[in-house]
Amino acid sequence: MIELTPDELKQRFDLPLFEQLSATADELQLDCYAVGGYVRDLFLQRPSQDIDVVVVGSGIAMAEAFARRLGRGAHLSVFRNFGTAQVKYRDREIEFVGARKESYRRDSRKPMVEDGTLEDDQNRRDFTINALAVCLNRERFGALVDPFGGLDDLREKTIRTPLDPDVTFSDDPLRMMRCIRFAAQLNFFIDDNTFESLCRNSERIHIISRERIADELNKIILSPIPSKGFIDLDRSGLLPLILPELVKLQGVETRNGRAHKDNFYHTLEVLDNISRHTDNLWLRWAALLHDIAKPATKRWEPRQGWTFHNHNYIGEKMVPAIFRSLKLPMNEKMKYVQKMVSLHMRPISIADEEVTDSAVRRLLFEAGDDIDDLMTLCEADITSKNSERKQRFLNNFQLVRQKLKDLEERDRIRNFQPPVDGEEIMQTFNLKPGREIGQLKSAIKDAILDGVIPNEHDAARRFMLERARAMGLAPVE
């Protein structure tokens, strides 16, 4: 956070856009304030393109007059049912709302709204750091209004509600997710009283739509250190209510002096690891779910100890139900996460043994264009406390990466289709679609992947004729 004197804060708002807002407000004789995230992020030195404006009076009237003043290039959207409006201008979005006070019914997060003062509007804000307001009227231009000590909370890196947190969270339980999300995004701490209220009110999350929950969950996953958010979700009691499959990963069981690792904290470590290398939301989801089936597949085998056989394949089958429950997209994004979960053990098993061309070709064929993402996930999955073993895996992964590069350049395996297709096989042997066609196609594919023949048409056709002869098939003349 940076400290800004009143004059310095005023200078930060001394921009043409705010001058136009100020002139519009004064012309309409309306008190007007910039509030929320834009003000907060000024002090945190975070980029912010969106500006929230509170007007003591009609926010819609202010937006309409502001858009007219800007003229060409300003795009106005009015939402009369909500009493709000938006003006898009160049790279900015300015949201307008009239100052209001709100009251809630216990079974709904939709407030009953009436006109209010700036104080009423700040009272309804979720957190003190989001209740900061800066006056835009010329007479008090740049003056900070901070009734709840939000500036002090920015200094102390603290998330706290302006009023009683039980009222704040009970009124709108989505604020519980936002509380944890802001703490994760900003690397802030949650005030003790506020956190205790999270725990008391966690069950209220059930009245929030799964889409809204998933939106906040995605923002937590995209935060710089997402484990912070998931640990707070778990400690508050929210995680068992929104993603119980993840909670089941918790715990360590010991038998005959042999224990397995806590797969919950291992998963969070993998998620943090991968977050240092990618902002791909769905690859981060794959990291979160890569071991999701370990509780279902955990077995004790006297000779081997704890095993989780096929947890990658079972996990792949669990992904659609988790996505459906959270109302996440059931499209290629979900299939991508499935694919990453299914294949995440393959590079590790290759790296743990001799890195053969055949194994790498098959990996490249199955992963296709997602091979680089898969390797990133697998490298993040190496969390062994044995530094020598960890380095050996990482070194072997470099061998795998190099072989992937060499084989791709030489054999063009990524996303390849066998150079002899089913149509050519049927014409060559005068066959109708059937089992023999599939057998020959699979044999050609396996021969290419195993390096028996090159990925070329003539070589594949010669191999097809030889294999067909062994099956008792003869080409038509």
Protein backbone atom coordinates (compact mmCIF):
# COMPACT_ATOMS: atom_id res chain seq x y z
CA MET A 1 0.00 0.00 0.00
CA ILE A 2 1.11 3.56 -0.65
CA GLU A 3 0.34 6.53 1.59
CA LEU A 4 -1.36 9.41 -0.20
CA THR A 5 -1.77 12.89 1.24
CA PRO A 6 -5.10 14.63 0.55
CA ASP A 7 -3.41 16.65 -2.21
CA GLU A 8 -1.84 13.54 -3.73
CA LEU A 9 -5.18 11.73 -3.68
CA LYS A 10 -6.81 14.71 -5.36
CA GLN A 11 -4.13 14.62 -8.07
CA ARG A 12 -4.93 10.94 -8.76
CA PHE A 13 -8.47 12.01 -9.68
CA ASP A 14 -7.33 15.02 -11.69
CA LEU A 15 -8.10 13.29 -14.99
CA PRO A 16 -10.39 14.35 -17.87
CA LEU A 17 -12.90 11.59 -17.13
CA PHE A 18 -13.32 12.63 -13.50
CA GLU A 19 -13.47 16.29 -14.50
CA GLN A 20 -16.43 15.41 -16.73
CA LEU A 21 -18.06 13.46 -13.90
CA SER A 22 -17.54 16.41 -11.56
CA ALA A 23 -19.01 18.90 -14.04
CA THR A 24 -22.02 16.63 -14.66
CA ALA A 25 -22.72 16.20 -10.95
CA ASP A 26 -22.47 19.92 -10.25
CA GLU A 27 -24.70 20.75 -13.21
CA LEU A 28 -27.39 18.39 -11.85
CA GLN A 29 -26.72 19.54 -8.26
CA LEU A 30 -26.13 15.94 -7.15
CA ASP A 31 -23.58 14.77 -4.59
CA CYS A 32 -21.35 12.26 -6.39
CA TYR A 33 -18.63 9.88 -5.16
CA ALA A 34 -16.21 7.30 -6.57
CA VAL A 35 -16.46 4.25 -4.30
CA GLY A 36 -15.29 0.72 -3.79
CA GLY A 37 -12.67 -1.13 -5.76
CA TYR A 38 -11.32 1.76 -7.81
CA VAL A 39 -10.54 3.79 -4.66
CA ARG A 40 -9.18 0.77 -2.84
CA ASP A 41 -6.91 -0.17 -5.73
CA LEU A 42 -5.45 3.33 -5.95
CA PHE A 43 -3.94 2.81 -2.51
CA LEU A 44 -2.89 -0.75 -3.34
CA GLN A 45 -1.33 0.31 -6.67
CA ARG A 46 -3.41 -2.26 -8.53
CA PRO A 47 -4.63 -1.53 -12.07
CA SER A 48 -8.37 -0.90 -12.26
CA GLN A 49 -10.38 0.03 -15.35
CA ASP A 50 -13.85 -0.09 -13.77
CA ILE A 51 -15.18 2.84 -11.75
CA ASP A 52 -18.17 2.66 -9.40
CA VAL A 53 -19.99 5.94 -8.83
CA VAL A 54 -22.56 6.56 -6.09
CA VAL A 55 -24.95 9.46 -6.56
CA VAL A 56 -27.09 10.87 -3.75
CA GLY A 57 -30.14 10.99 -5.98
CA SER A 58 -30.76 9.32 -9.35
CA GLY A 59 -27.80 7.34 -10.61
CA ILE A 60 -29.61 6.81 -13.91
CA ALA A 61 -30.13 10.55 -14.46
CA MET A 62 -26.44 11.13 -13.70
CA ALA A 63 -25.38 8.41 -16.17
CA GLU A 64 -27.62 9.78 -18.93
CA ALA A 65 -26.28 13.32 -18.50
CA PHE A 66 -22.69 12.05 -18.31
CA ALA A 67 -23.08 10.06 -21.54
CA ARG A 68 -24.50 13.12 -23.32
CA ARG A 69 -21.58 15.20 -22.10
CA LEU A 70 -19.04 12.66 -23.40
CA GLY A 71 -20.83 12.54 -26.73
CA ARG A 72 -19.75 10.22 -29.50
CA GLY A 73 -17.99 7.11 -28.28
CA ALA A 74 -19.96 6.82 -25.03
CA HIS A 75 -22.25 3.76 -24.80
CA LEU A 76 -25.04 4.00 -22.21
CA SER A 77 -26.89 1.01 -20.72
CA VAL A 78 -29.74 1.59 -18.28
CA PHE A 79 -31.10 -1.06 -15.89
CA ARG A 80 -34.22 0.60 -14.50
CA ASN A 81 -35.36 -2.47 -12.54
CA PHE A 82 -32.17 -2.22 -10.49
CA GLY A 83 -31.86 1.57 -10.49
CA THR A 84 -28.41 1.37 -12.07
CA ALA A 85 -26.73 2.41 -15.30
CA GLN A 86 -23.42 1.86 -17.05
CA VAL A 87 -21.41 4.04 -19.40
CA LYS A 88 -18.67 2.44 -21.48
CA TYR A 89 -16.16 4.92 -22.80
CA ARG A 90 -12.94 3.86 -24.49
CA ASP A 91 -11.30 1.37 -22.13
CA ARG A 92 -13.38 2.34 -19.09
CA GLU A 93 -16.63 1.08 -17.61
CA ILE A 94 -18.35 3.48 -15.21
CA GLU A 95 -21.18 2.04 -13.12
CA PHE A 96 -23.73 4.45 -11.61
CA VAL A 97 -26.07 3.76 -8.72
CA GLY A 98 -28.16 5.98 -6.49
CA ALA A 99 -27.21 5.95 -2.80
CA ARG A 100 -29.49 3.49 -1.06
CA LYS A 101 -30.12 1.51 2.05
CA GLU A 102 -31.07 -2.15 2.00
CA SER A 103 -32.91 -4.68 4.13
CA TYR A 104 -33.14 -8.42 3.58
CA ARG A 105 -35.50 -11.32 4.19
CA ARG A 106 -33.81 -14.33 5.71
CA ASP A 107 -34.65 -16.66 2.81
CA SER A 108 -33.32 -14.37 0.05
CA ARG A 109 -30.24 -12.36 -0.85
CA LYS A 110 -32.37 -9.95 -2.91
CA PRO A 111 -32.63 -6.76 -0.86
CA MET A 112 -35.55 -4.45 -0.36
CA VAL A 113 -34.12 -1.11 -1.48
CA GLU A 114 -34.98 2.50 -0.70
CA ASP A 115 -33.22 5.78 -1.39
CA GLY A 116 -30.59 6.72 1.16
CA THR A 117 -27.64 8.88 2.04
CA LEU A 118 -23.96 8.27 1.35
CA GLU A 119 -23.71 6.97 4.91
CA ASP A 120 -26.52 4.48 4.22
CA ASP A 121 -24.73 3.35 1.08
CA GLN A 122 -21.41 2.86 2.85
CA ASN A 123 -23.17 0.91 5.61
CA ARG A 124 -24.37 -1.65 3.07
CA ARG A 125 -20.88 -2.26 1.65
CA ASP A 126 -19.37 -5.68 2.24
CA PHE A 127 -15.95 -4.74 3.68
CA THR A 128 -14.35 -1.63 5.10
CA ILE A 129 -11.75 -1.53 2.33
CA ASN A 130 -14.59 -1.41 -0.20
CA ALA A 131 -16.47 1.33 1.63
CA LEU A 132 -13.93 4.05 0.86
CA ALA A 133 -15.42 6.96 -1.09
CA VAL A 134 -13.89 10.00 -2.78
CA CYS A 135 -16.01 13.08 -3.48
CA LEU A 136 -16.17 14.17 -7.13
CA ASN A 137 -18.03 17.46 -6.66
CA ARG A 138 -15.84 20.46 -7.43
CA GLU A 139 -16.19 22.04 -3.96
CA ARG A 140 -14.79 18.94 -2.18
CA PHE A 141 -13.10 17.25 -5.13
CA GLY A 142 -10.74 14.47 -4.03
CA ALA A 143 -11.87 14.40 -0.37
CA LEU A 144 -11.78 10.90 1.16
CA VAL A 145 -14.80 9.68 3.14
CA ASP A 146 -13.75 6.74 5.34
CA PRO A 147 -16.23 6.17 8.19
CA PHE A 148 -15.11 2.62 9.06
CA GLY A 149 -11.32 2.86 9.07
CA GLY A 150 -10.91 1.19 5.71
CA LEU A 151 -7.61 2.98 5.15
CA ASP A 152 -6.26 1.54 8.41
CA ASP A 153 -7.42 -1.92 7.34
CA LEU A 154 -5.55 -1.50 4.05
CA ARG A 155 -2.44 -0.65 6.05
CA GLU A 156 -2.97 -3.66 8.31
CA LYS A 157 -3.90 -5.94 5.39
CA THR A 158 -7.16 -6.84 7.10
CA ILE A 159 -10.56 -7.89 5.74
CA ARG A 160 -13.32 -6.66 8.06
CA THR A 161 -17.01 -5.87 7.66
CA PRO A 162 -18.23 -2.29 8.26
CA LEU A 163 -21.08 -3.41 10.54
CA ASP A 164 -21.85 -6.56 12.54
CA PRO A 165 -20.47 -9.42 10.38
CA ASP A 166 -23.38 -11.69 11.35
CA VAL A 167 -25.75 -9.18 9.76
CA THR A 168 -23.47 -8.62 6.73
CA PHE A 169 -23.10 -12.35 5.99
CA SER A 170 -26.64 -13.38 6.87
CA ASP A 171 -28.08 -10.66 4.63
CA ASP A 172 -25.99 -11.70 1.63
CA PRO A 173 -24.13 -15.00 2.18
CA LEU A 174 -22.20 -14.58 -1.08
CA ARG A 175 -20.15 -12.05 0.89
CA MET A 176 -18.61 -15.00 2.77
CA MET A 177 -17.09 -16.25 -0.49
CA ARG A 178 -16.06 -12.70 -1.39
CA CYS A 179 -14.40 -12.30 2.01
CA ILE A 180 -12.19 -15.32 1.42
CA ARG A 181 -11.62 -14.38 -2.21
CA PHE A 182 -10.39 -10.87 -1.34
CA ALA A 183 -8.10 -12.30 1.35
CA ALA A 184 -6.61 -14.69 -1.25
CA GLN A 185 -6.34 -12.13 -4.04
CA LEU A 186 -4.79 -9.41 -1.89
CA ASN A 187 -2.90 -11.69 0.51
CA PHE A 188 -4.78 -10.10 3.41
CA PHE A 189 -5.83 -11.54 6.76
CA ILE A 190 -9.44 -11.96 7.83
CA ASP A 191 -10.27 -10.16 11.07
CA ASP A 192 -10.95 -12.63 13.93
CA ASN A 193 -14.53 -11.49 14.57
CA THR A 194 -15.24 -11.57 10.86
CA PHE A 195 -13.82 -15.07 10.51
CA GLU A 196 -15.77 -16.39 13.50
CA SER A 197 -18.89 -15.04 11.83
CA LEU A 198 -17.98 -16.92 8.64
CA CYS A 199 -17.99 -20.12 10.68
CA ARG A 200 -21.31 -19.31 12.35
CA ASN A 201 -23.05 -18.44 9.10
CA SER A 202 -21.52 -20.98 6.71
CA GLU A 203 -24.79 -22.90 6.26
CA ARG A 204 -26.37 -19.75 4.82
CA ILE A 205 -24.36 -20.38 1.64
CA HIS A 206 -27.11 -22.79 0.59
CA ILE A 207 -29.34 -19.90 -0.54
CA ILE A 208 -26.71 -18.74 -3.05
CA SER A 209 -26.86 -20.04 -6.62
CA ARG A 210 -24.15 -22.48 -7.64
CA GLU A 211 -23.19 -20.18 -10.53
CA ARG A 212 -22.36 -17.32 -8.14
CA ILE A 213 -20.41 -19.66 -5.87
CA ALA A 214 -18.46 -21.06 -8.83
CA ASP A 215 -17.63 -17.54 -10.00
CA GLU A 216 -16.03 -16.72 -6.64
CA LEU A 217 -14.35 -20.13 -6.52
CA ASN A 218 -12.79 -19.46 -9.93
CA LYS A 219 -11.43 -16.14 -8.66
CA ILE A 220 -9.90 -17.91 -5.65
CA ILE A 221 -8.32 -20.50 -7.96
CA LEU A 222 -6.88 -17.66 -10.08
CA SER A 223 -5.43 -15.82 -7.06
CA PRO A 224 -1.63 -15.68 -6.64
CA ILE A 225 -1.56 -18.28 -3.82
CA PRO A 226 -4.87 -20.15 -4.13
CA SER A 227 -4.11 -22.51 -1.24
CA LYS A 228 -4.70 -19.58 1.11
CA GLY A 229 -8.28 -19.32 -0.07
CA PHE A 230 -8.96 -23.06 0.12
CA ILE A 231 -7.55 -23.32 3.63
CA ASP A 232 -9.85 -20.48 4.72
CA LEU A 233 -12.80 -22.15 2.96
CA ASP A 234 -12.02 -25.34 4.86
CA ARG A 235 -11.48 -23.68 8.25
CA SER A 236 -14.72 -21.73 7.94
CA GLY A 237 -16.80 -24.80 7.12
CA LEU A 238 -17.70 -23.57 3.64
CA LEU A 239 -15.61 -26.07 1.66
CA PRO A 240 -17.56 -29.17 2.78
CA LEU A 241 -20.72 -27.44 1.59
CA ILE A 242 -19.49 -26.43 -1.86
CA LEU A 243 -16.82 -29.00 -2.78
CA PRO A 244 -17.08 -31.99 -0.41
CA GLU A 245 -15.00 -34.21 -2.72
CA LEU A 246 -11.96 -32.07 -1.91
CA VAL A 247 -12.47 -32.33 1.84
CA LYS A 248 -12.44 -36.13 1.60
CA LEU A 249 -8.77 -35.92 0.58
CA GLN A 250 -7.89 -34.83 4.12
CA GLY A 251 -6.14 -36.99 6.68
CA VAL A 252 -3.29 -39.41 7.05
CA GLU A 253 -3.72 -43.09 7.86
CA THR A 254 -0.89 -45.22 9.25
CA ARG A 255 -0.66 -49.01 9.16
CA ASN A 256 2.31 -51.11 10.18
CA GLY A 257 4.33 -47.91 10.55
CA ARG A 258 3.63 -46.82 6.98
CA ALA A 259 1.63 -43.68 6.30
CA HIS A 260 0.42 -42.00 3.13
CA LYS A 261 0.65 -38.23 2.67
CA ASP A 262 -2.26 -35.89 3.35
CA ASN A 263 -3.64 -35.60 -0.16
CA PHE A 264 -5.58 -32.42 0.62
CA TYR A 265 -2.47 -30.43 1.44
CA HIS A 266 -0.55 -32.16 -1.36
CA THR A 267 -3.27 -31.00 -3.79
CA LEU A 268 -3.04 -27.43 -2.54
CA GLU A 269 0.74 -27.54 -2.93
CA VAL A 270 0.35 -28.73 -6.52
CA LEU A 271 -2.17 -25.94 -7.16
CA ASP A 272 0.24 -23.33 -5.78
CA ASN A 273 3.10 -24.82 -7.81
CA ILE A 274 1.20 -24.67 -11.07
CA SER A 275 -0.06 -21.16 -10.33
CA ARG A 276 3.51 -19.87 -10.55
CA HIS A 277 3.60 -20.96 -14.20
CA THR A 278 0.12 -20.48 -15.66
CA ASP A 279 -3.03 -18.36 -15.42
CA ASN A 280 -5.00 -21.00 -17.33
CA LEU A 281 -8.08 -21.43 -15.11
CA TRP A 282 -8.88 -24.90 -16.40
CA LEU A 283 -5.33 -26.17 -15.96
CA ARG A 284 -5.51 -24.90 -12.37
CA TRP A 285 -8.81 -26.79 -12.01
CA ALA A 286 -7.03 -29.90 -13.27
CA ALA A 287 -4.40 -29.42 -10.57
CA LEU A 288 -7.15 -29.09 -7.95
CA LEU A 289 -8.88 -32.29 -9.12
CA HIS A 290 -5.93 -34.41 -10.24
CA ASP A 291 -6.04 -36.67 -7.15
CA ILE A 292 -9.76 -36.31 -6.43
CA ALA A 293 -10.36 -40.09 -6.65
CA LYS A 294 -7.67 -41.10 -4.15
CA PRO A 295 -10.15 -41.58 -1.27
CA ALA A 296 -12.23 -43.90 -3.47
CA THR A 297 -9.22 -45.94 -4.61
CA LYS A 298 -7.16 -46.09 -1.40
CA ARG A 299 -6.15 -49.64 -0.49
CA TRP A 300 -3.69 -51.23 1.90
CA GLU A 301 -1.57 -53.96 0.31
CA PRO A 302 0.87 -55.67 2.69
CA ARG A 303 3.70 -55.85 0.18
CA GLN A 304 3.26 -52.41 -1.34
CA GLY A 305 1.74 -50.37 1.45
CA TRP A 306 -0.87 -47.76 0.56
CA THR A 307 -1.97 -47.77 -3.06
CA PHE A 308 -4.32 -45.64 -5.16
CA HIS A 309 -4.53 -47.76 -8.30
CA ASN A 310 -6.38 -46.18 -11.23
CA HIS A 311 -7.17 -43.01 -9.29
CA ASN A 312 -6.49 -41.04 -12.47
CA TYR A 313 -9.12 -42.95 -14.46
CA ILE A 314 -11.69 -42.88 -11.65
CA GLY A 315 -10.94 -39.17 -11.19
CA GLU A 316 -11.60 -38.58 -14.88
CA LYS A 317 -15.09 -40.07 -14.40
CA MET A 318 -15.72 -37.87 -11.32
CA VAL A 319 -15.01 -34.57 -13.09
CA PRO A 320 -18.37 -34.23 -14.95
CA ALA A 321 -20.41 -34.64 -11.74
CA ILE A 322 -18.30 -32.02 -9.95
CA PHE A 323 -18.63 -29.57 -12.85
CA ARG A 324 -22.36 -30.22 -13.09
CA SER A 325 -22.83 -29.65 -9.35
CA LEU A 326 -21.05 -26.29 -9.52
CA LYS A 327 -22.75 -25.31 -12.80
CA LEU A 328 -19.35 -25.06 -14.47
CA PRO A 329 -19.29 -25.39 -18.28
CA MET A 330 -20.04 -28.92 -19.51
CA ASN A 331 -18.15 -28.40 -22.76
CA GLU A 332 -14.60 -28.70 -24.07
CA LYS A 333 -13.31 -27.02 -20.88
CA MET A 334 -14.67 -29.83 -18.75
CA LYS A 335 -13.31 -32.41 -21.23
CA TYR A 336 -9.90 -30.71 -21.05
CA VAL A 337 -9.87 -31.06 -17.25
CA GLN A 338 -10.92 -34.71 -17.62
CA LYS A 339 -8.07 -35.30 -20.03
CA MET A 340 -5.50 -33.72 -17.72
CA VAL A 341 -6.75 -35.74 -14.73
CA SER A 342 -6.75 -38.95 -16.77
CA LEU A 343 -3.22 -38.49 -18.16
CA HIS A 344 -1.46 -36.87 -15.20
CA MET A 345 0.26 -40.11 -14.16
CA ARG A 346 1.64 -40.93 -17.60
CA PRO A 347 4.66 -38.60 -17.72
CA ILE A 348 5.50 -39.52 -14.13
CA SER A 349 5.54 -43.25 -14.92
CA ILE A 350 7.69 -42.56 -17.98
CA ALA A 351 10.10 -40.38 -16.02
CA ASP A 352 10.39 -43.01 -13.28
CA GLU A 353 11.70 -45.57 -15.77
CA GLU A 354 13.84 -45.52 -18.88
CA VAL A 355 12.49 -42.84 -21.21
CA THR A 356 11.71 -44.86 -24.36
CA ASP A 357 10.70 -43.45 -27.73
CA SER A 358 7.63 -45.69 -27.83
CA ALA A 359 6.26 -44.47 -24.48
CA VAL A 360 6.86 -40.84 -25.42
CA ARG A 361 5.18 -41.28 -28.83
CA ARG A 362 2.07 -42.72 -27.16
CA LEU A 363 2.00 -39.89 -24.64
CA LEU A 364 2.29 -37.32 -27.43
CA PHE A 365 -0.47 -39.02 -29.41
CA GLU A 366 -2.90 -39.10 -26.47
CA ALA A 367 -2.15 -35.61 -25.15
CA GLY A 368 -2.08 -33.93 -28.57
CA ASP A 369 -1.96 -30.13 -28.38
CA ASP A 370 -2.32 -30.26 -24.60
CA ILE A 371 1.04 -31.96 -24.07
CA ASP A 372 2.78 -28.82 -22.77
CA ASP A 373 -0.01 -28.21 -20.25
CA LEU A 374 0.19 -31.84 -19.15
CA MET A 375 3.93 -31.59 -18.57
CA THR A 376 3.42 -28.40 -16.56
CA LEU A 377 0.86 -30.20 -14.39
CA CYS A 378 3.12 -33.19 -13.86
CA GLU A 379 6.10 -31.07 -12.87
CA ALA A 380 3.88 -29.24 -10.37
CA ASP A 381 2.82 -32.64 -8.99
CA ILE A 382 6.34 -33.43 -7.77
CA THR A 383 6.10 -32.38 -4.13
CA SER A 384 8.36 -35.01 -2.55
CA LYS A 385 10.21 -33.87 0.55
CA ASN A 386 13.10 -36.08 -0.60
CA SER A 387 15.11 -33.48 -2.55
CA GLU A 388 17.21 -36.10 -4.34
CA ARG A 389 14.13 -37.99 -5.58
CA LYS A 390 12.40 -34.75 -6.55
CA GLN A 391 15.41 -33.60 -8.58
CA ARG A 392 15.67 -36.98 -10.29
CA PHE A 393 12.05 -36.70 -11.46
CA LEU A 394 12.54 -33.14 -12.64
CA ASN A 395 15.70 -34.11 -14.55
CA ASN A 396 13.87 -37.01 -16.17
CA PHE A 397 11.03 -34.70 -17.11
CA GLN A 398 13.56 -32.62 -19.02
CA LEU A 399 14.52 -35.77 -20.92
CA VAL A 400 10.85 -36.44 -21.64
CA ARG A 401 10.38 -32.84 -22.87
CA GLN A 402 13.40 -33.13 -25.17
CA LYS A 403 12.22 -36.46 -26.56
CA LEU A 404 8.77 -34.97 -27.13
CA LYS A 405 10.35 -32.18 -29.12
CA ASP A 406 12.63 -34.49 -31.13
CA LEU A 407 9.92 -37.06 -31.91
CA GLU A 408 7.39 -34.40 -32.87
CA GLU A 409 9.83 -32.86 -35.32
CA ARG A 410 10.74 -36.25 -36.78
CA ASP A 411 7.52 -38.29 -36.63
CA ARG A 412 4.73 -35.67 -36.56
CA ILE A 413 2.80 -37.73 -34.00
CA ARG A 414 0.82 -34.95 -32.29
CA ASN A 415 -2.88 -35.41 -33.18
CA PHE A 416 -1.91 -37.66 -36.08
CA GLN A 417 -4.36 -39.89 -37.94
CA PRO A 418 -2.95 -43.12 -39.41
CA PRO A 419 -1.90 -42.37 -43.00
CA VAL A 420 -3.97 -45.35 -44.22
CA ASP A 421 -7.61 -44.81 -43.25
CA GLY A 422 -10.58 -47.13 -43.05
CA GLU A 423 -11.85 -46.17 -46.48
CA GLU A 424 -8.61 -47.23 -48.13
CA ILE A 425 -8.58 -50.52 -46.22
CA MET A 426 -12.14 -51.34 -47.34
CA GLN A 427 -11.37 -50.52 -50.98
CA THR A 428 -8.12 -52.51 -50.94
CA PHE A 429 -9.75 -55.70 -49.64
CA ASN A 430 -13.33 -55.12 -50.81
CA LEU A 431 -14.54 -55.20 -47.20
CA LYS A 432 -17.58 -53.69 -45.54
CA PRO A 433 -17.24 -51.90 -42.16
CA GLY A 434 -16.43 -54.50 -39.52
CA ARG A 435 -13.97 -55.89 -37.01
CA GLU A 436 -11.13 -56.44 -39.50
CA ILE A 437 -11.04 -52.75 -40.42
CA GLY A 438 -10.62 -51.74 -36.78
CA GLN A 439 -7.93 -54.37 -36.23
CA LEU A 440 -5.88 -53.18 -39.20
CA LYS A 441 -6.23 -49.48 -38.27
CA SER A 442 -5.14 -50.22 -34.68
CA ALA A 443 -2.21 -52.31 -35.89
CA ILE A 444 -1.01 -49.49 -38.17
CA LYS A 445 -1.38 -46.92 -35.38
CA ASP A 446 0.50 -49.11 -32.88
CA ALA A 447 3.27 -49.82 -35.38
CA ILE A 448 3.82 -46.08 -35.89
CA LEU A 449 3.68 -45.29 -32.17
CA ASP A 450 6.10 -48.15 -31.39
CA GLY A 451 8.50 -46.95 -34.08
CA VAL A 452 8.16 -50.11 -36.18
CA ILE A 453 7.31 -48.04 -39.25
CA PRO A 454 7.56 -44.29 -39.99
CA ASN A 455 4.47 -42.10 -40.05
CA GLU A 456 4.25 -42.22 -43.86
CA HIS A 457 1.63 -43.53 -46.27
CA ASP A 458 3.75 -45.96 -48.31
CA ALA A 459 5.29 -47.56 -45.23
CA ALA A 460 1.87 -47.83 -43.57
CA ARG A 461 0.35 -49.42 -46.71
CA ARG A 462 3.12 -52.04 -46.93
CA PHE A 463 2.59 -52.84 -43.24
CA MET A 464 -1.19 -53.10 -43.81
CA LEU A 465 -0.72 -55.61 -46.66
CA GLU A 466 1.63 -57.76 -44.55
CA ARG A 467 -0.69 -57.74 -41.54
CA ALA A 468 -3.74 -58.45 -43.72
CA ARG A 469 -1.96 -61.44 -45.28
CA ALA A 470 -1.39 -62.86 -41.79
CA MET A 471 -5.14 -62.40 -41.13
CA GLY A 472 -6.02 -64.31 -44.31
CA LEU A 473 -7.05 -61.23 -46.26
CA ALA A 474 -5.99 -60.64 -49.86
CA PRO A 475 -6.21 -57.41 -51.82
CA VAL A 476 -8.63 -57.28 -54.75
CA GLU A 477 -7.02 -57.17 -58.18
